[in-house]
Protein backbone atom coordinates (compact mmCIF):
# COMPACT_ATOMS: atom_id res chain seq x y z
CA UNK A 1 9.18 0.81 -17.11
CA UNK A 2 10.22 -2.59 -18.41
CA UNK A 3 12.06 -3.23 -15.15
CA UNK A 4 8.95 -2.23 -13.21
CA UNK A 5 6.89 -4.71 -15.19
CA UNK A 6 9.29 -7.55 -14.40
CA UNK A 7 9.35 -6.63 -10.70
CA UNK A 8 5.63 -6.98 -10.29
CA UNK A 9 4.83 -9.92 -12.50
CA UNK A 10 2.44 -12.21 -10.68
CA UNK A 11 3.01 -15.88 -10.14
CA UNK A 12 0.34 -18.36 -11.11
CA UNK A 13 -0.87 -18.32 -7.48
CA UNK A 14 -1.61 -14.59 -7.63
CA UNK A 15 -5.27 -14.46 -8.49
CA UNK A 16 -8.26 -12.58 -7.27
CA UNK A 17 -10.60 -14.64 -5.20
CA UNK A 18 -13.88 -14.19 -3.46
CA UNK A 19 -14.20 -14.74 0.26
CA UNK A 20 -17.91 -14.03 -0.04
CA UNK A 21 -20.14 -13.20 -2.98
CA UNK A 22 -19.69 -9.45 -2.40
CA UNK A 23 -16.08 -9.18 -1.26
CA UNK A 24 -13.22 -9.64 -3.68
CA UNK A 25 -9.57 -9.58 -2.78
CA UNK A 26 -6.52 -8.93 -4.87
CA UNK A 27 -3.66 -11.27 -4.25
CA UNK A 28 -0.26 -9.87 -5.08
CA UNK A 29 2.99 -11.71 -4.54
CA UNK A 30 5.12 -10.68 -1.58
CA UNK A 31 7.56 -9.02 -4.02
CA UNK A 32 4.76 -6.92 -5.52
CA UNK A 33 3.43 -5.97 -2.09
CA UNK A 34 6.92 -4.93 -0.98
CA UNK A 35 7.41 -2.92 -4.19
CA UNK A 36 4.06 -1.16 -3.78
CA UNK A 37 4.63 -0.53 -0.09
CA UNK A 38 8.04 1.03 -0.81
CA UNK A 39 6.52 3.26 -3.49
CA UNK A 40 3.67 4.31 -1.21
CA UNK A 41 6.08 5.10 1.63
CA UNK A 42 8.00 7.38 -0.75
CA UNK A 43 4.75 9.02 -1.86
CA UNK A 44 3.77 9.53 1.77
CA UNK A 45 7.10 11.30 2.30
CA UNK A 46 6.50 13.43 -0.79
CA UNK A 47 3.11 14.50 0.58
CA UNK A 48 4.67 15.49 3.91
CA UNK A 49 7.32 17.40 1.96
CA UNK A 50 4.67 19.28 -0.01
CA UNK A 51 2.90 20.20 3.22
CA UNK A 52 6.21 21.52 4.57
CA UNK A 53 6.80 23.55 1.41
CA UNK A 54 3.40 25.19 1.79
CA UNK A 55 4.00 25.92 5.47
CA UNK A 56 7.33 27.58 4.53
CA UNK A 57 5.64 29.72 1.86
CA UNK A 58 7.74 28.11 -0.89
CA UNK A 59 7.35 29.57 -4.37
CA UNK A 60 4.12 28.18 -5.85
CA UNK A 61 5.72 26.81 -9.02
CA UNK A 62 8.11 24.70 -6.94
CA UNK A 63 5.22 23.28 -4.91
CA UNK A 64 3.24 22.51 -8.07
CA UNK A 65 6.27 20.69 -9.50
CA UNK A 66 6.40 18.49 -6.39
CA UNK A 67 2.66 17.83 -6.63
CA UNK A 68 3.10 16.73 -10.26
CA UNK A 69 5.90 14.36 -9.24
CA UNK A 70 3.69 12.87 -6.53
CA UNK A 71 0.80 12.41 -8.95
CA UNK A 72 3.14 10.63 -11.34
CA UNK A 73 4.31 8.31 -8.56
CA UNK A 74 0.69 7.49 -7.66
CA UNK A 75 -0.06 6.80 -11.32
CA UNK A 76 2.82 4.31 -11.36
CA UNK A 77 1.29 2.45 -8.42
CA UNK A 78 -2.08 2.38 -10.19
CA UNK A 79 -0.48 1.05 -13.40
CA UNK A 80 1.18 -1.79 -11.52
CA UNK A 81 -2.09 -2.73 -9.84
CA UNK A 82 -4.08 -2.42 -13.07
CA UNK A 83 -1.64 -4.62 -14.99
CA UNK A 84 -1.83 -7.36 -12.37
CA UNK A 85 -5.61 -7.05 -12.24
CA UNK A 86 -5.94 -7.42 -16.01
CA UNK A 87 -3.46 -10.29 -16.31
CA UNK A 88 -4.91 -12.28 -13.44
CA UNK A 89 -8.26 -11.30 -11.98
CA UNK A 90 -9.90 -10.19 -15.22
CA UNK A 91 -8.59 -13.13 -17.23
CA UNK A 92 -9.77 -15.55 -14.53
CA UNK A 93 -13.24 -14.03 -14.43
CA UNK A 94 -13.52 -14.03 -18.22
CA UNK A 95 -12.46 -17.68 -18.29
CA UNK A 96 -15.27 -18.36 -15.80
CA UNK A 97 -17.71 -16.68 -18.20
CA UNK A 98 -18.11 -13.51 -16.14
CA UNK A 99 -18.23 -10.79 -18.80
CA UNK A 100 -19.41 -8.15 -16.29
CA UNK A 101 -15.75 -7.74 -15.41
CA UNK A 102 -15.25 -5.79 -18.66
CA UNK A 103 -17.64 -3.05 -17.53
CA UNK A 104 -15.97 -3.04 -14.12
CA UNK A 105 -12.55 -2.52 -15.71
CA UNK A 106 -13.85 0.23 -17.97
CA UNK A 107 -15.25 2.10 -14.95
CA UNK A 108 -11.89 1.74 -13.22
CA UNK A 109 -10.00 3.04 -16.26
CA UNK A 110 -12.36 6.02 -16.51
CA UNK A 111 -11.65 6.80 -12.85
CA UNK A 112 -7.91 6.69 -13.52
CA UNK A 113 -8.19 8.96 -16.54
CA UNK A 114 -10.35 11.65 -14.90
CA UNK A 115 -8.68 15.02 -14.98
């Protein structure tokens, strides 16, 4: 995990900005985007693999194991994004006096923890 954290550390130019009052964008470095894209491509392959297992009537426990692995991979992507969001976007907004960002982050964390 420590290696993952180093791979997706944001540069000082990686901040969230607003193009309009209602649209916010996340700005990840090219290295982070490439890392996330690679992970998501793998996850996409895992999903196709799970579909194939179901079509082949694979033993349920084996399919469930693959689903769990895919969920874990998605959680890793979410952790990377959340870390960058907290370290950059949230800090920037707090420094600007925008404390509403705390409630926004709490809602996001609740969504991630739903099960």
